[in-house]
Structure formats: C-alpha cells, structure tokens
Amino acid sequence: MAANVSVSGPTRRNDWRARGNIGYAAFVAHRISGVCLALFLPVHFWALGTSLKGAAALDQFLSWTDMPLFKFGEWGLVVLLTIHLGCGTRLLLIEFGRWQGLRKGWIAIAIAMSALVGALLAAILLTK
C-alpha cells in the first residue's frame, strides 16, 4: 500500500473528525447561503425587468408578493443574507485581522445576529 506522501511532505487526509468542528459548520452555512443567494438573483433580475415594461406590469408582478409563500421566502432571504454576512465577516476578520484560529465567539455572534434579524422580520411580517 502506497504511503500518503507528496513532494512537499506528508498530506493530511480529510477525515470526518474535522467536519464535526463548529468552524466547518460555519463554512458550510456561509457556502450554502451564498449559493442560495446566487440562485435568487435571476428572480430578482426578472422582477427588475418587469419594471421596464411599465408600472402596470410591475404592479401585476408585485401582486404575487402578497401571498404567504412569498412572505416566507422574503423572510428566508433576509435570514440567508444575515447568515452570509455574519459568517463572511468572521472569515474576513480571521483572514485580515491579527487573530488566529477558530474564534468560536464570532460564530456565536453570526448565529445570534441571524436569529435576531429572522425573529424581528418574522414579527414584522406577522403583524401585517
């Protein structure tokens, strides 16, 4: 059996122990929220494109947004934005700051910020 050795030295296998780390969970949350936000962009551009057809076309498109499913989607979008913002800020502070290591406190701040913004928006949407 061949040893796990490269030109620069022994390589570390990506085992499942690293995936149980809270830093890995923050990485996955940041990546998934970014992909979901990227998938939302065509819908957003479609909505903006209807405004070029006139006020009547835009009003017809926006009438769909009064449905509860769209309100839930709006809530989910804001939660995804705050997750992406919190985890991305954590990464920027680790990369460009003086800190080294995981910084579990930044992960907790990102989770708390996302939960708070999600709860506030849910309260606002449910009172309308």
Protein backbone atom coordinates (compact mmCIF):
# COMPACT_ATOMS: atom_id res chain seq x y z
CA MET A 1 0.00 0.00 0.00
CA ALA A 2 1.41 3.39 -1.01
CA ALA A 3 2.10 5.96 1.65
CA ASN A 4 0.25 9.23 1.60
CA VAL A 5 3.30 11.33 0.69
CA SER A 6 3.65 14.22 -1.74
CA VAL A 7 6.61 16.26 -2.93
CA SER A 8 6.11 18.84 -0.18
CA GLY A 9 5.72 16.23 2.57
CA PRO A 10 3.00 14.05 4.05
CA THR A 11 -0.54 15.11 3.23
CA ARG A 12 -3.34 15.23 5.72
CA ARG A 13 -6.42 13.24 4.93
CA ASN A 14 -9.75 14.99 5.12
CA ASP A 15 -11.38 12.83 7.73
CA TRP A 16 -14.78 13.15 9.34
CA ARG A 17 -13.37 14.48 12.62
CA ALA A 18 -12.74 17.88 11.06
CA ARG A 19 -16.32 18.03 9.85
CA GLY A 20 -17.67 17.87 13.39
CA ASN A 21 -15.98 21.16 14.18
CA ILE A 22 -18.07 24.33 14.60
CA GLY A 23 -15.77 26.10 12.13
CA TYR A 24 -16.73 23.59 9.47
CA ALA A 25 -20.41 24.24 10.21
CA ALA A 26 -19.80 27.99 9.76
CA PHE A 27 -18.02 27.27 6.47
CA VAL A 28 -20.96 25.16 5.23
CA ALA A 29 -23.50 27.79 6.34
CA HIS A 30 -21.57 30.50 4.52
CA ARG A 31 -21.25 28.40 1.37
CA ILE A 32 -24.91 27.26 1.28
CA SER A 33 -26.25 30.75 2.00
CA GLY A 34 -24.07 32.14 -0.80
CA VAL A 35 -25.31 29.56 -3.30
CA CYS A 36 -28.95 30.18 -2.31
CA LEU A 37 -28.48 33.94 -2.68
CA ALA A 38 -26.92 33.40 -6.10
CA LEU A 39 -29.92 31.29 -7.12
CA PHE A 40 -32.22 34.15 -6.07
CA LEU A 41 -30.53 36.65 -8.40
CA PRO A 42 -32.31 35.58 -11.63
CA VAL A 43 -35.68 36.03 -9.92
CA HIS A 44 -34.61 39.44 -8.70
CA PHE A 45 -33.47 40.46 -12.18
CA TRP A 46 -36.76 39.18 -13.60
CA ALA A 47 -38.64 41.43 -11.16
CA LEU A 48 -36.48 44.39 -12.10
CA GLY A 49 -37.01 43.62 -15.78
CA THR A 50 -40.79 43.84 -15.39
CA SER A 51 -40.40 47.43 -14.23
CA LEU A 52 -39.03 48.29 -17.68
CA LYS A 53 -42.35 47.21 -19.18
CA GLY A 54 -44.21 49.86 -17.22
CA ALA A 55 -45.93 50.42 -13.91
CA ALA A 56 -48.84 48.11 -14.72
CA ALA A 57 -46.55 45.13 -15.41
CA LEU A 58 -44.61 45.78 -12.22
CA ASP A 59 -47.78 46.10 -10.15
CA GLN A 60 -49.05 42.82 -11.58
CA PHE A 61 -45.78 41.10 -10.68
CA LEU A 62 -45.72 42.62 -7.20
CA SER A 63 -49.30 41.46 -6.54
CA TRP A 64 -47.86 37.95 -6.31
CA THR A 65 -45.70 39.04 -3.39
CA ASP A 66 -48.74 39.40 -1.13
CA MET A 67 -49.07 35.63 -0.94
CA PRO A 68 -47.89 33.95 2.31
CA LEU A 69 -45.42 31.77 0.41
CA PHE A 70 -43.62 34.85 -0.85
CA LYS A 71 -43.61 36.38 2.64
CA PHE A 72 -41.94 33.21 3.89
CA GLY A 73 -39.45 33.42 1.02
CA GLU A 74 -38.73 37.04 1.89
CA TRP A 75 -38.08 36.03 5.47
CA GLY A 76 -35.80 33.21 4.33
CA LEU A 77 -33.91 35.56 2.05
CA VAL A 78 -33.21 38.00 4.87
CA VAL A 79 -32.10 35.16 7.16
CA LEU A 80 -29.78 33.86 4.42
CA LEU A 81 -28.36 37.37 3.97
CA THR A 82 -27.61 37.72 7.69
CA ILE A 83 -26.04 34.24 7.86
CA HIS A 84 -23.87 35.08 4.86
CA LEU A 85 -22.96 38.47 6.32
CA GLY A 86 -22.10 37.10 9.75
CA CYS A 87 -20.04 34.16 8.52
CA GLY A 88 -18.36 36.27 5.85
CA THR A 89 -17.42 38.96 8.38
CA ARG A 90 -15.95 36.25 10.59
CA LEU A 91 -13.83 34.99 7.69
CA LEU A 92 -12.65 38.49 6.83
CA LEU A 93 -11.64 39.18 10.42
CA ILE A 94 -9.72 35.92 10.61
CA GLU A 95 -8.03 36.46 7.24
CA PHE A 96 -7.14 40.13 7.58
CA GLY A 97 -7.10 40.60 11.34
CA ARG A 98 -4.44 39.80 13.87
CA TRP A 99 -6.35 36.80 15.17
CA GLN A 100 -5.52 33.21 14.51
CA GLY A 101 -7.59 30.12 14.98
CA LEU A 102 -11.27 29.34 15.01
CA ARG A 103 -12.79 32.19 17.03
CA LYS A 104 -15.93 30.45 18.23
CA GLY A 105 -17.22 33.77 19.56
CA TRP A 106 -17.56 35.11 16.01
CA ILE A 107 -19.57 32.03 15.05
CA ALA A 108 -21.86 32.62 18.03
CA ILE A 109 -22.29 36.27 17.04
CA ALA A 110 -23.18 35.26 13.47
CA ILE A 111 -25.77 32.75 14.71
CA ALA A 112 -27.23 35.22 17.21
CA MET A 113 -27.39 38.00 14.64
CA SER A 114 -29.16 35.74 12.14
CA ALA A 115 -31.64 34.53 14.74
CA LEU A 116 -32.37 38.07 15.94
CA VAL A 117 -32.90 39.51 12.46
CA GLY A 118 -35.02 36.50 11.49
CA ALA A 119 -37.20 36.86 14.59
CA LEU A 120 -37.61 40.62 14.07
CA LEU A 121 -38.60 40.20 10.44
CA ALA A 122 -41.00 37.37 11.30
CA ALA A 123 -42.63 39.62 13.91
CA ILE A 124 -42.95 42.44 11.37
CA LEU A 125 -44.37 40.19 8.66
CA LEU A 126 -46.83 38.51 11.01
CA THR A 127 -48.24 41.82 12.29
CA LYS A 128 -49.12 43.00 8.76
